[in-house]
Amino acid sequence: MSLDTLKSRLPDYAKDLKLNLSSLARETVLDDQKKFGAFLASAYAAGAEDVIADLTAAFAGELSAEALNAAKAAAAVMGMNNVYYRFVHLASAKDYGTLPARLRMNVIANPGVDKADFELWSLAVSAINGCGMCIDAHEAELRKHGVSAEQVQAAVRIASVVNAVSAVLRADKAAA
């Protein structure tokens, strides 16, 4: 399987998504680990089984076992954090922001890959999940690690396309 397998699943009306998958897979502003990890973390965040399978087949061989695990861990922990911190941010009562989260998130301190890579994948997942508070926190951390605006944008572009591909395939499956 390859990226072509995923693209072949997309209907004609999603031609732009096919084109974007191809161009993002060739993106050069990110090194391969950052790029392929962003694809996989985004696929796990979007949760479409066929997208996860196709992107894993396309890119898992490009990542170490540790990087593959960290991409999945970014999707897992941010799936939790994005809900919690979005609530804290959106709640009218501001005292929630003063309370400790009391949620385990040990993987953030020791993800098994370069901290900047994990932060980038966490930011991509946070963009999919729509948590502004998490986006700001991860973007600030990435800047401290010297990650450029163009690199952040590339990861979010990957997240947006993977999310859209997942939504299209789920919708077409439901309509069938």
C-alpha atoms as a PDB file:
ATOM      1  CA  MET A   1       0.000   0.000   0.000  1.00  0.00           C
ATOM      2  CA  SER A   2       1.014   3.569  -0.556  1.00  0.00           C
ATOM      3  CA  LEU A   3      -0.313   7.073  -0.529  1.00  0.00           C
ATOM      4  CA  ASP A   4      -1.801   6.240  -3.928  1.00  0.00           C
ATOM      5  CA  THR A   5      -4.070   3.697  -2.249  1.00  0.00           C
ATOM      6  CA  LEU A   6      -5.515   6.402  -0.030  1.00  0.00           C
ATOM      7  CA  LYS A   7      -5.889   8.826  -2.910  1.00  0.00           C
ATOM      8  CA  SER A   8      -7.689   6.148  -4.966  1.00  0.00           C
ATOM      9  CA  ARG A   9     -10.319   5.863  -2.220  1.00  0.00           C
ATOM     10  CA  LEU A  10     -11.245   9.534  -2.552  1.00  0.00           C
ATOM     11  CA  PRO A  11     -14.193  10.478  -4.776  1.00  0.00           C
ATOM     12  CA  ASP A  12     -13.793  12.803  -7.736  1.00  0.00           C
ATOM     13  CA  TYR A  13     -15.275  15.743  -5.833  1.00  0.00           C
ATOM     14  CA  ALA A  14     -12.298  15.558  -3.442  1.00  0.00           C
ATOM     15  CA  LYS A  15      -9.678  16.014  -6.185  1.00  0.00           C
ATOM     16  CA  ASP A  16      -8.131  18.942  -4.286  1.00  0.00           C
ATOM     17  CA  LEU A  17      -7.522  16.652  -1.314  1.00  0.00           C
ATOM     18  CA  LYS A  18      -5.740  14.155  -3.577  1.00  0.00           C
ATOM     19  CA  LEU A  19      -3.517  16.916  -4.918  1.00  0.00           C
ATOM     20  CA  ASN A  20      -2.818  18.244  -1.442  1.00  0.00           C
ATOM     21  CA  LEU A  21      -1.907  14.784  -0.108  1.00  0.00           C
ATOM     22  CA  SER A  22       0.674  14.453  -2.879  1.00  0.00           C
ATOM     23  CA  SER A  23       2.193  17.886  -2.421  1.00  0.00           C
ATOM     24  CA  LEU A  24       2.320  17.606   1.376  1.00  0.00           C
ATOM     25  CA  ALA A  25       4.028  14.214   1.179  1.00  0.00           C
ATOM     26  CA  ARG A  26       6.759  15.957  -0.844  1.00  0.00           C
ATOM     27  CA  GLU A  27       6.906  18.980   1.500  1.00  0.00           C
ATOM     28  CA  THR A  28      10.532  19.894   2.208  1.00  0.00           C
ATOM     29  CA  VAL A  29      10.198  22.483   4.971  1.00  0.00           C
ATOM     30  CA  LEU A  30       9.853  19.603   7.471  1.00  0.00           C
ATOM     31  CA  ASP A  31      12.307  16.743   7.850  1.00  0.00           C
ATOM     32  CA  ASP A  32      10.826  13.309   7.195  1.00  0.00           C
ATOM     33  CA  GLN A  33      10.263  12.425  10.843  1.00  0.00           C
ATOM     34  CA  LYS A  34       8.362  15.647  11.538  1.00  0.00           C
ATOM     35  CA  LYS A  35       6.368  15.333   8.318  1.00  0.00           C
ATOM     36  CA  PHE A  36       5.458  11.660   8.483  1.00  0.00           C
ATOM     37  CA  GLY A  37       4.785  11.870  12.220  1.00  0.00           C
ATOM     38  CA  ALA A  38       2.391  14.766  11.545  1.00  0.00           C
ATOM     39  CA  PHE A  39       0.562  12.638   8.983  1.00  0.00           C
ATOM     40  CA  LEU A  40       0.198   9.724  11.389  1.00  0.00           C
ATOM     41  CA  ALA A  41      -0.670  11.762  14.506  1.00  0.00           C
ATOM     42  CA  SER A  42      -3.309  13.569  12.443  1.00  0.00           C
ATOM     43  CA  ALA A  43      -4.717  10.303  11.117  1.00  0.00           C
ATOM     44  CA  TYR A  44      -5.055   8.915  14.639  1.00  0.00           C
ATOM     45  CA  ALA A  45      -6.665  12.164  15.783  1.00  0.00           C
ATOM     46  CA  ALA A  46      -9.150  12.127  12.909  1.00  0.00           C
ATOM     47  CA  GLY A  47      -9.917   8.478  13.660  1.00  0.00           C
ATOM     48  CA  ALA A  48     -10.850   7.108  10.226  1.00  0.00           C
ATOM     49  CA  GLU A  49      -9.751   3.468  10.166  1.00  0.00           C
ATOM     50  CA  ASP A  50      -8.928   3.336   6.456  1.00  0.00           C
ATOM     51  CA  VAL A  51      -6.945   6.588   6.584  1.00  0.00           C
ATOM     52  CA  ILE A  52      -4.942   5.312   9.544  1.00  0.00           C
ATOM     53  CA  ALA A  53      -4.248   2.038   7.727  1.00  0.00           C
ATOM     54  CA  ASP A  54      -3.226   3.673   4.450  1.00  0.00           C
ATOM     55  CA  LEU A  55      -1.017   6.341   6.021  1.00  0.00           C
ATOM     56  CA  THR A  56       0.582   3.791   8.336  1.00  0.00           C
ATOM     57  CA  ALA A  57       1.362   1.625   5.312  1.00  0.00           C
ATOM     58  CA  ALA A  58       2.724   4.642   3.451  1.00  0.00           C
ATOM     59  CA  PHE A  59       4.832   6.214   6.202  1.00  0.00           C
ATOM     60  CA  ALA A  60       5.389   3.870   9.163  1.00  0.00           C
ATOM     61  CA  GLY A  61       8.461   2.392   7.469  1.00  0.00           C
ATOM     62  CA  GLU A  62       9.934   5.894   7.401  1.00  0.00           C
ATOM     63  CA  LEU A  63       9.688   6.251  11.186  1.00  0.00           C
ATOM     64  CA  SER A  64      11.424   4.445  14.020  1.00  0.00           C
ATOM     65  CA  ALA A  65       9.247   2.404  16.365  1.00  0.00           C
ATOM     66  CA  GLU A  66       9.742   5.161  18.953  1.00  0.00           C
ATOM     67  CA  ALA A  67       8.592   7.868  16.538  1.00  0.00           C
ATOM     68  CA  LEU A  68       5.556   5.854  15.462  1.00  0.00           C
ATOM     69  CA  ASN A  69       4.625   5.320  19.100  1.00  0.00           C
ATOM     70  CA  ALA A  70       5.157   9.016  19.888  1.00  0.00           C
ATOM     71  CA  ALA A  71       2.892  10.095  17.002  1.00  0.00           C
ATOM     72  CA  LYS A  72       0.146   7.846  18.358  1.00  0.00           C
ATOM     73  CA  ALA A  73       0.820   9.108  21.891  1.00  0.00           C
ATOM     74  CA  ALA A  74       0.480  12.717  20.715  1.00  0.00           C
ATOM     75  CA  ALA A  75      -2.963  11.908  19.303  1.00  0.00           C
ATOM     76  CA  ALA A  76      -3.947  10.071  22.483  1.00  0.00           C
ATOM     77  CA  VAL A  77      -2.851  12.618  25.064  1.00  0.00           C
ATOM     78  CA  MET A  78      -4.040  15.592  23.023  1.00  0.00           C
ATOM     79  CA  GLY A  79      -7.401  13.910  22.510  1.00  0.00           C
ATOM     80  CA  MET A  80      -7.771  14.181  26.278  1.00  0.00           C
ATOM     81  CA  ASN A  81      -6.070  17.543  26.800  1.00  0.00           C
ATOM     82  CA  ASN A  82      -7.853  19.281  23.937  1.00  0.00           C
ATOM     83  CA  VAL A  83     -11.253  18.558  25.453  1.00  0.00           C
ATOM     84  CA  TYR A  84     -10.188  19.550  28.955  1.00  0.00           C
ATOM     85  CA  TYR A  85      -8.311  22.733  28.057  1.00  0.00           C
ATOM     86  CA  ARG A  86     -10.907  23.823  25.496  1.00  0.00           C
ATOM     87  CA  PHE A  87     -13.454  23.596  28.314  1.00  0.00           C
ATOM     88  CA  VAL A  88     -11.209  25.612  30.641  1.00  0.00           C
ATOM     89  CA  HIS A  89     -10.738  28.245  27.942  1.00  0.00           C
ATOM     90  CA  LEU A  90     -14.403  28.465  26.918  1.00  0.00           C
ATOM     91  CA  ALA A  91     -16.064  28.249  30.341  1.00  0.00           C
ATOM     92  CA  SER A  92     -17.390  31.597  31.549  1.00  0.00           C
ATOM     93  CA  ALA A  93     -16.298  30.824  35.100  1.00  0.00           C
ATOM     94  CA  LYS A  94     -12.576  31.536  35.140  1.00  0.00           C
ATOM     95  CA  ASP A  95     -11.870  29.634  38.355  1.00  0.00           C
ATOM     96  CA  TYR A  96     -11.517  26.398  36.328  1.00  0.00           C
ATOM     97  CA  GLY A  97      -8.255  27.816  35.008  1.00  0.00           C
ATOM     98  CA  THR A  98      -6.862  28.000  38.538  1.00  0.00           C
ATOM     99  CA  LEU A  99      -7.619  24.369  39.373  1.00  0.00           C
ATOM    100  CA  PRO A 100      -5.029  21.654  38.701  1.00  0.00           C
ATOM    101  CA  ALA A 101      -5.984  19.465  35.730  1.00  0.00           C
ATOM    102  CA  ARG A 102      -5.188  16.233  37.619  1.00  0.00           C
ATOM    103  CA  LEU A 103      -4.827  14.384  34.333  1.00  0.00           C
ATOM    104  CA  ARG A 104      -1.837  12.148  33.637  1.00  0.00           C
ATOM    105  CA  MET A 105       0.252  13.441  30.745  1.00  0.00           C
ATOM    106  CA  ASN A 106       3.672  11.955  31.451  1.00  0.00           C
ATOM    107  CA  VAL A 107       4.345  11.297  27.768  1.00  0.00           C
ATOM    108  CA  ILE A 108       4.728  15.041  27.148  1.00  0.00           C
ATOM    109  CA  ALA A 109       7.818  15.100  29.378  1.00  0.00           C
ATOM    110  CA  ASN A 110       9.337  11.948  27.856  1.00  0.00           C
ATOM    111  CA  PRO A 111       7.851  11.203  24.418  1.00  0.00           C
ATOM    112  CA  GLY A 112      10.720   9.021  23.168  1.00  0.00           C
ATOM    113  CA  VAL A 113      11.540  11.421  20.302  1.00  0.00           C
ATOM    114  CA  ASP A 114      12.921  14.921  19.978  1.00  0.00           C
ATOM    115  CA  LYS A 115      10.742  17.281  22.034  1.00  0.00           C
ATOM    116  CA  ALA A 116      10.149  19.584  19.050  1.00  0.00           C
ATOM    117  CA  ASP A 117       8.809  16.694  16.958  1.00  0.00           C
ATOM    118  CA  PHE A 118       6.356  15.667  19.668  1.00  0.00           C
ATOM    119  CA  GLU A 119       5.272  19.279  20.192  1.00  0.00           C
ATOM    120  CA  LEU A 120       4.686  19.678  16.454  1.00  0.00           C
ATOM    121  CA  TRP A 121       2.536  16.554  16.330  1.00  0.00           C
ATOM    122  CA  SER A 122       0.641  17.707  19.426  1.00  0.00           C
ATOM    123  CA  LEU A 123      -0.004  21.052  17.748  1.00  0.00           C
ATOM    124  CA  ALA A 124      -1.315  19.330  14.592  1.00  0.00           C
ATOM    125  CA  VAL A 125      -3.700  17.232  16.692  1.00  0.00           C
ATOM    126  CA  SER A 126      -4.776  20.305  18.657  1.00  0.00           C
ATOM    127  CA  ALA A 127      -5.595  22.074  15.390  1.00  0.00           C
ATOM    128  CA  ILE A 128      -7.826  19.154  14.367  1.00  0.00           C
ATOM    129  CA  ASN A 129      -9.509  19.136  17.764  1.00  0.00           C
ATOM    130  CA  GLY A 130      -9.933  22.911  17.843  1.00  0.00           C
ATOM    131  CA  CYS A 131      -8.277  23.737  21.157  1.00  0.00           C
ATOM    132  CA  GLY A 132      -6.939  27.276  20.968  1.00  0.00           C
ATOM    133  CA  MET A 133      -5.344  27.087  24.388  1.00  0.00           C
ATOM    134  CA  CYS A 134      -3.342  23.988  23.387  1.00  0.00           C
ATOM    135  CA  ILE A 135      -2.468  25.448  19.988  1.00  0.00           C
ATOM    136  CA  ASP A 136      -1.018  28.538  21.676  1.00  0.00           C
ATOM    137  CA  ALA A 137       0.904  26.508  24.262  1.00  0.00           C
ATOM    138  CA  HIS A 138       2.458  24.120  21.712  1.00  0.00           C
ATOM    139  CA  GLU A 139       3.211  26.881  19.208  1.00  0.00           C
ATOM    140  CA  ALA A 140       5.047  28.876  21.906  1.00  0.00           C
ATOM    141  CA  GLU A 141       7.040  25.781  22.872  1.00  0.00           C
ATOM    142  CA  LEU A 142       7.913  25.117  19.228  1.00  0.00           C
ATOM    143  CA  ARG A 143       9.201  28.662  18.815  1.00  0.00           C
ATOM    144  CA  LYS A 144      11.462  28.104  21.854  1.00  0.00           C
ATOM    145  CA  HIS A 145      12.886  25.080  20.008  1.00  0.00           C
ATOM    146  CA  GLY A 146      13.581  27.143  16.890  1.00  0.00           C
ATOM    147  CA  VAL A 147      10.742  25.747  14.783  1.00  0.00           C
ATOM    148  CA  SER A 148       9.749  28.310  12.154  1.00  0.00           C
ATOM    149  CA  ALA A 149       6.305  29.618  11.294  1.00  0.00           C
ATOM    150  CA  GLU A 150       6.598  27.847   7.939  1.00  0.00           C
ATOM    151  CA  GLN A 151       7.240  24.520   9.651  1.00  0.00           C
ATOM    152  CA  VAL A 152       4.286  25.018  11.997  1.00  0.00           C
ATOM    153  CA  GLN A 153       2.119  25.950   9.026  1.00  0.00           C
ATOM    154  CA  ALA A 154       3.223  22.816   7.134  1.00  0.00           C
ATOM    155  CA  ALA A 155       2.211  20.578  10.047  1.00  0.00           C
ATOM    156  CA  VAL A 156      -1.173  22.279  10.309  1.00  0.00           C
ATOM    157  CA  ARG A 157      -1.670  21.990   6.556  1.00  0.00           C
ATOM    158  CA  ILE A 158      -1.021  18.248   6.887  1.00  0.00           C
ATOM    159  CA  ALA A 159      -3.502  18.054   9.768  1.00  0.00           C
ATOM    160  CA  SER A 160      -6.158  19.933   7.812  1.00  0.00           C
ATOM    161  CA  VAL A 161      -5.868  17.693   4.756  1.00  0.00           C
ATOM    162  CA  VAL A 162      -5.750  14.436   6.731  1.00  0.00           C
ATOM    163  CA  ASN A 163      -8.785  15.586   8.719  1.00  0.00           C
ATOM    164  CA  ALA A 164     -10.690  16.461   5.524  1.00  0.00           C
ATOM    165  CA  VAL A 165      -9.754  13.158   3.865  1.00  0.00           C
ATOM    166  CA  SER A 166     -11.003  11.323   6.955  1.00  0.00           C
ATOM    167  CA  ALA A 167     -14.275  13.267   6.966  1.00  0.00           C
ATOM    168  CA  VAL A 168     -14.892  12.656   3.248  1.00  0.00           C
ATOM    169  CA  LEU A 169     -14.279   8.925   3.520  1.00  0.00           C
ATOM    170  CA  ARG A 170     -16.475   8.593   6.622  1.00  0.00           C
ATOM    171  CA  ALA A 171     -19.261  10.574   4.947  1.00  0.00           C
ATOM    172  CA  ASP A 172     -19.122   8.538   1.748  1.00  0.00           C
ATOM    173  CA  LYS A 173     -19.142   5.322   3.777  1.00  0.00           C
ATOM    174  CA  ALA A 174     -22.188   6.520   5.718  1.00  0.00           C
ATOM    175  CA  ALA A 175     -23.965   7.547   2.522  1.00  0.00           C
ATOM    176  CA  ALA A 176     -23.373   4.165   0.841  1.00  0.00           C
END
